[in-house]
Amino acid sequence: MKKILLFIPVSILISCAAHHSLQPLGEGNWTANISAGGPVIAVFGTHMPIPYLTAGTTYGIRDNINLNGNLHLMPLAYQISGLDIGAAWFPVKQKGLRPILGFQPRLMGLASLKGNVSERFRFYPIFTPSAAWQIKNNLFYTGMDWTFPLNTPDFDEDAPATLISPFFGYRWSLRNNLYLYTEIKWHGANLPSDKLAVDYWPIGGYGAFTTLFSIERGF
């Protein structure tokens, strides 16, 4: 086994969940969510997204600061645990065409649950600036994940030191405090697709086109 992750190029699957901490919740409020979707791959003569699953929560510790975390469920099938935790700061409120601006540092950690591995842990700092516009009870948003791998990927020793993944999406209000997120993301937009071990659906020969969906409940 090559170190910790033989089954996937983890650079593409990092932060593979719809974004939720896009506006301040307010002190004492919290939400729970479950997300599905992932990079689109070529399989069985067609293209389909990886069924990557995550579950998470967001909590408002101040009127303009959220804490959030996500448990990555799919890697557990391969005896790998995944967790990301972070905080989001919102210094600018929406006013007219001016969006809600958010700045979110996070840390993604992966740990092998198998025995006799040469490297058990990997960590990936992620920084995400975002902009969101509330439209009645719905929300349009865009942003970019900046990922800083602390290890050289096993499958590409010449991989870029920083991975960028722009995204945009729409949050639909289904009913009081229940929301549906639909998101499109360009995972690893600066990573040549011919360097990846999996046949992803690239954009212009780079990264992977990704579709994400999530249900969120507010409390």
Protein backbone atom coordinates (compact mmCIF):
# COMPACT_ATOMS: atom_id res chain seq x y z
CA MET A 1 0.00 0.00 0.00
CA LYS A 2 1.42 3.35 -1.01
CA LYS A 3 1.36 5.22 2.26
CA ILE A 4 -2.21 6.14 3.19
CA LEU A 5 -4.31 6.56 0.05
CA LEU A 6 -4.03 4.07 -2.76
CA PHE A 7 -7.70 3.98 -3.79
CA ILE A 8 -8.18 7.63 -4.78
CA PRO A 9 -6.15 10.72 -5.70
CA VAL A 10 -7.17 12.55 -2.56
CA SER A 11 -6.30 15.98 -3.93
CA ILE A 12 -9.49 15.82 -5.99
CA LEU A 13 -11.75 14.52 -3.20
CA ILE A 14 -10.63 17.07 -0.61
CA SER A 15 -13.54 19.22 0.54
CA CYS A 16 -15.94 17.18 -1.55
CA ALA A 17 -19.12 18.50 0.05
CA ALA A 18 -21.49 21.33 -0.75
CA HIS A 19 -20.60 24.58 1.01
CA HIS A 20 -22.90 25.58 3.87
CA SER A 21 -21.25 28.28 5.98
CA LEU A 22 -22.08 31.07 3.52
CA GLN A 23 -23.84 33.56 5.78
CA PRO A 24 -23.81 34.19 9.53
CA LEU A 25 -26.27 32.02 11.48
CA GLY A 26 -26.38 34.31 14.49
CA GLU A 27 -25.17 33.48 17.95
CA GLY A 28 -26.63 30.26 19.35
CA ASN A 29 -28.20 29.02 16.09
CA TRP A 30 -27.08 25.85 14.36
CA THR A 31 -27.76 23.65 11.35
CA ALA A 32 -27.24 20.00 10.40
CA ASN A 33 -26.64 18.76 6.88
CA ILE A 34 -25.94 15.70 4.76
CA SER A 35 -24.30 16.00 1.33
CA ALA A 36 -23.88 13.68 -1.66
CA GLY A 37 -22.12 13.94 -4.98
CA GLY A 38 -18.58 14.33 -6.17
CA PRO A 39 -16.30 14.51 -9.20
CA VAL A 40 -17.78 13.11 -12.41
CA ILE A 41 -15.94 10.03 -13.69
CA ALA A 42 -16.12 7.92 -16.83
CA VAL A 43 -17.64 4.53 -15.99
CA PHE A 44 -19.73 1.91 -17.80
CA GLY A 45 -19.57 3.92 -21.03
CA THR A 46 -21.05 7.06 -19.50
CA HIS A 47 -20.22 9.78 -16.95
CA MET A 48 -21.52 9.83 -13.39
CA PRO A 49 -20.55 11.56 -10.12
CA ILE A 50 -18.78 9.65 -7.38
CA PRO A 51 -21.37 8.99 -4.61
CA TYR A 52 -19.28 10.75 -1.97
CA LEU A 53 -21.19 11.24 1.31
CA THR A 54 -20.59 13.67 4.16
CA ALA A 55 -22.55 14.76 7.24
CA GLY A 56 -21.89 17.95 9.15
CA THR A 57 -23.04 20.82 11.31
CA THR A 58 -22.60 24.60 11.55
CA TYR A 59 -22.93 26.64 14.75
CA GLY A 60 -23.06 30.41 15.22
CA ILE A 61 -20.72 31.42 18.05
CA ARG A 62 -21.16 35.14 17.35
CA ASP A 63 -23.39 37.19 15.09
CA ASN A 64 -20.72 37.18 12.36
CA ILE A 65 -18.72 33.99 13.10
CA ASN A 66 -19.70 30.36 12.46
CA LEU A 67 -17.96 27.14 13.44
CA ASN A 68 -18.46 24.09 11.23
CA GLY A 69 -17.35 20.50 10.77
CA ASN A 70 -17.98 17.60 8.40
CA LEU A 71 -17.50 13.86 8.78
CA HIS A 72 -16.53 12.18 5.50
CA LEU A 73 -18.46 8.93 5.34
CA MET A 74 -17.36 7.33 2.06
CA PRO A 75 -13.68 6.77 3.08
CA LEU A 76 -14.86 4.66 6.02
CA ALA A 77 -15.63 1.90 3.50
CA TYR A 78 -11.87 1.81 2.83
CA GLN A 79 -10.88 1.97 6.52
CA ILE A 80 -9.98 5.64 6.28
CA SER A 81 -11.56 8.30 8.49
CA GLY A 82 -11.97 11.86 7.29
CA LEU A 83 -12.93 15.03 9.15
CA ASP A 84 -12.76 18.71 8.36
CA ILE A 85 -13.29 21.52 10.86
CA GLY A 86 -13.19 25.27 10.44
CA ALA A 87 -14.61 28.69 11.14
CA ALA A 88 -16.17 31.34 8.91
CA TRP A 89 -15.98 35.11 9.46
CA PHE A 90 -18.41 37.47 7.73
CA PRO A 91 -17.10 41.06 7.85
CA VAL A 92 -19.48 42.42 5.17
CA LYS A 93 -23.27 42.16 5.14
CA GLN A 94 -25.41 42.20 2.03
CA LYS A 95 -26.61 45.62 0.90
CA GLY A 96 -28.18 45.93 -2.54
CA LEU A 97 -25.84 44.26 -5.03
CA ARG A 98 -23.07 44.04 -2.45
CA PRO A 99 -22.86 40.40 -1.32
CA ILE A 100 -22.28 38.77 2.03
CA LEU A 101 -18.53 38.21 2.14
CA GLY A 102 -17.12 35.24 4.02
CA PHE A 103 -13.62 34.04 4.81
CA GLN A 104 -13.26 30.48 6.02
CA PRO A 105 -10.09 28.65 7.11
CA ARG A 106 -10.48 24.89 7.58
CA LEU A 107 -8.33 21.84 8.22
CA MET A 108 -9.04 18.52 6.53
CA GLY A 109 -7.59 15.44 8.22
CA LEU A 110 -7.45 11.86 6.97
CA ALA A 111 -6.34 8.86 9.01
CA SER A 112 -5.83 5.26 7.96
CA LEU A 113 -7.54 2.74 10.24
CA LYS A 114 -5.52 -0.13 8.79
CA GLY A 115 -2.55 -1.70 10.48
CA ASN A 116 1.03 -1.67 9.25
CA VAL A 117 0.84 1.51 7.14
CA SER A 118 3.93 3.65 6.62
CA GLU A 119 2.03 6.94 6.97
CA ARG A 120 -1.19 7.05 8.98
CA PHE A 121 -2.21 10.73 8.86
CA ARG A 122 -2.48 13.45 6.26
CA PHE A 123 -3.63 17.03 6.75
CA TYR A 124 -4.78 19.63 4.24
CA PRO A 125 -5.29 23.29 5.23
CA ILE A 126 -8.03 24.90 3.15
CA PHE A 127 -8.96 28.58 2.82
CA THR A 128 -12.28 29.57 1.23
CA PRO A 129 -13.37 33.12 0.37
CA SER A 130 -17.03 33.32 -0.67
CA ALA A 131 -19.69 35.77 -1.79
CA ALA A 132 -23.43 35.17 -1.36
CA TRP A 133 -26.58 37.04 -2.31
CA GLN A 134 -29.86 36.34 -0.51
CA ILE A 135 -32.82 36.33 -2.90
CA LYS A 136 -35.95 36.21 -0.75
CA ASN A 137 -35.48 32.94 1.18
CA ASN A 138 -33.02 31.51 -1.34
CA LEU A 139 -29.29 32.11 -1.68
CA PHE A 140 -26.96 32.33 -4.69
CA TYR A 141 -23.29 31.91 -3.87
CA THR A 142 -19.83 31.59 -5.37
CA GLY A 143 -16.29 31.24 -4.12
CA MET A 144 -13.05 29.28 -4.34
CA ASP A 145 -11.30 26.66 -2.22
CA TRP A 146 -7.54 27.10 -1.87
CA THR A 147 -5.99 23.84 -0.66
CA PHE A 148 -2.42 23.52 0.59
CA PRO A 149 -1.38 19.82 0.69
CA LEU A 150 1.26 19.18 3.35
CA ASN A 151 2.38 15.97 1.59
CA THR A 152 3.43 15.33 -1.99
CA PRO A 153 0.73 13.16 -3.63
CA ASP A 154 1.86 9.58 -4.23
CA PHE A 155 0.59 9.62 -7.80
CA ASP A 156 2.29 12.87 -8.93
CA GLU A 157 5.49 14.20 -7.40
CA ASP A 158 5.21 17.32 -9.60
CA ALA A 159 1.70 18.25 -8.45
CA PRO A 160 1.14 21.99 -7.77
CA ALA A 161 1.81 23.16 -4.23
CA THR A 162 -1.62 24.84 -4.09
CA LEU A 163 -4.88 23.50 -5.51
CA ILE A 164 -7.66 25.87 -6.54
CA SER A 165 -11.31 24.82 -6.88
CA PRO A 166 -13.87 27.49 -7.88
CA PHE A 167 -17.54 26.81 -7.20
CA PHE A 168 -20.99 28.32 -7.45
CA GLY A 169 -24.37 27.16 -6.27
CA TYR A 170 -27.90 27.92 -5.20
CA ARG A 171 -29.66 27.22 -1.92
CA TRP A 172 -33.38 26.55 -2.32
CA SER A 173 -35.75 27.14 0.58
CA LEU A 174 -38.06 24.12 0.72
CA ARG A 175 -39.96 25.17 3.82
CA ASN A 176 -39.25 26.81 7.16
CA ASN A 177 -35.60 26.04 8.10
CA LEU A 178 -35.23 23.28 5.49
CA TYR A 179 -32.98 23.90 2.48
CA LEU A 180 -31.68 22.15 -0.64
CA TYR A 181 -28.21 23.02 -1.96
CA THR A 182 -27.27 22.46 -5.61
CA GLU A 183 -23.65 23.20 -6.41
CA ILE A 184 -21.19 22.92 -9.30
CA LYS A 185 -17.47 22.87 -8.59
CA TRP A 186 -14.30 22.66 -10.65
CA HIS A 187 -12.10 20.53 -8.43
CA GLY A 188 -8.36 21.04 -8.90
CA ALA A 189 -8.70 23.61 -11.68
CA ASN A 190 -4.90 23.92 -11.91
CA LEU A 191 -4.19 20.16 -11.81
CA PRO A 192 -3.61 18.51 -15.24
CA SER A 193 -6.11 15.70 -15.68
CA ASP A 194 -3.55 13.41 -17.35
CA LYS A 195 -1.72 13.27 -14.00
CA LEU A 196 -4.71 11.75 -12.21
CA ALA A 197 -5.11 8.04 -11.62
CA VAL A 198 -8.89 8.14 -12.21
CA ASP A 199 -10.59 9.10 -15.46
CA TYR A 200 -12.38 12.23 -14.26
CA TRP A 201 -14.42 14.52 -16.51
CA PRO A 202 -12.00 17.47 -16.84
CA ILE A 203 -12.55 21.03 -17.99
CA GLY A 204 -10.03 22.04 -20.63
CA GLY A 205 -7.75 19.19 -19.59
CA TYR A 206 -7.62 20.20 -15.93
CA GLY A 207 -9.23 19.01 -12.70
CA ALA A 208 -12.67 17.46 -12.47
CA PHE A 209 -16.20 18.72 -13.05
CA THR A 210 -18.15 18.12 -9.84
CA THR A 211 -21.83 18.13 -8.90
CA LEU A 212 -22.89 18.38 -5.26
CA PHE A 213 -26.22 18.23 -3.48
CA SER A 214 -27.12 18.74 0.17
CA ILE A 215 -30.07 18.91 2.52
CA GLU A 216 -29.76 21.26 5.50
CA ARG A 217 -32.02 21.74 8.52
CA GLY A 218 -31.79 24.81 10.72
CA PHE A 219 -32.40 24.90 14.49
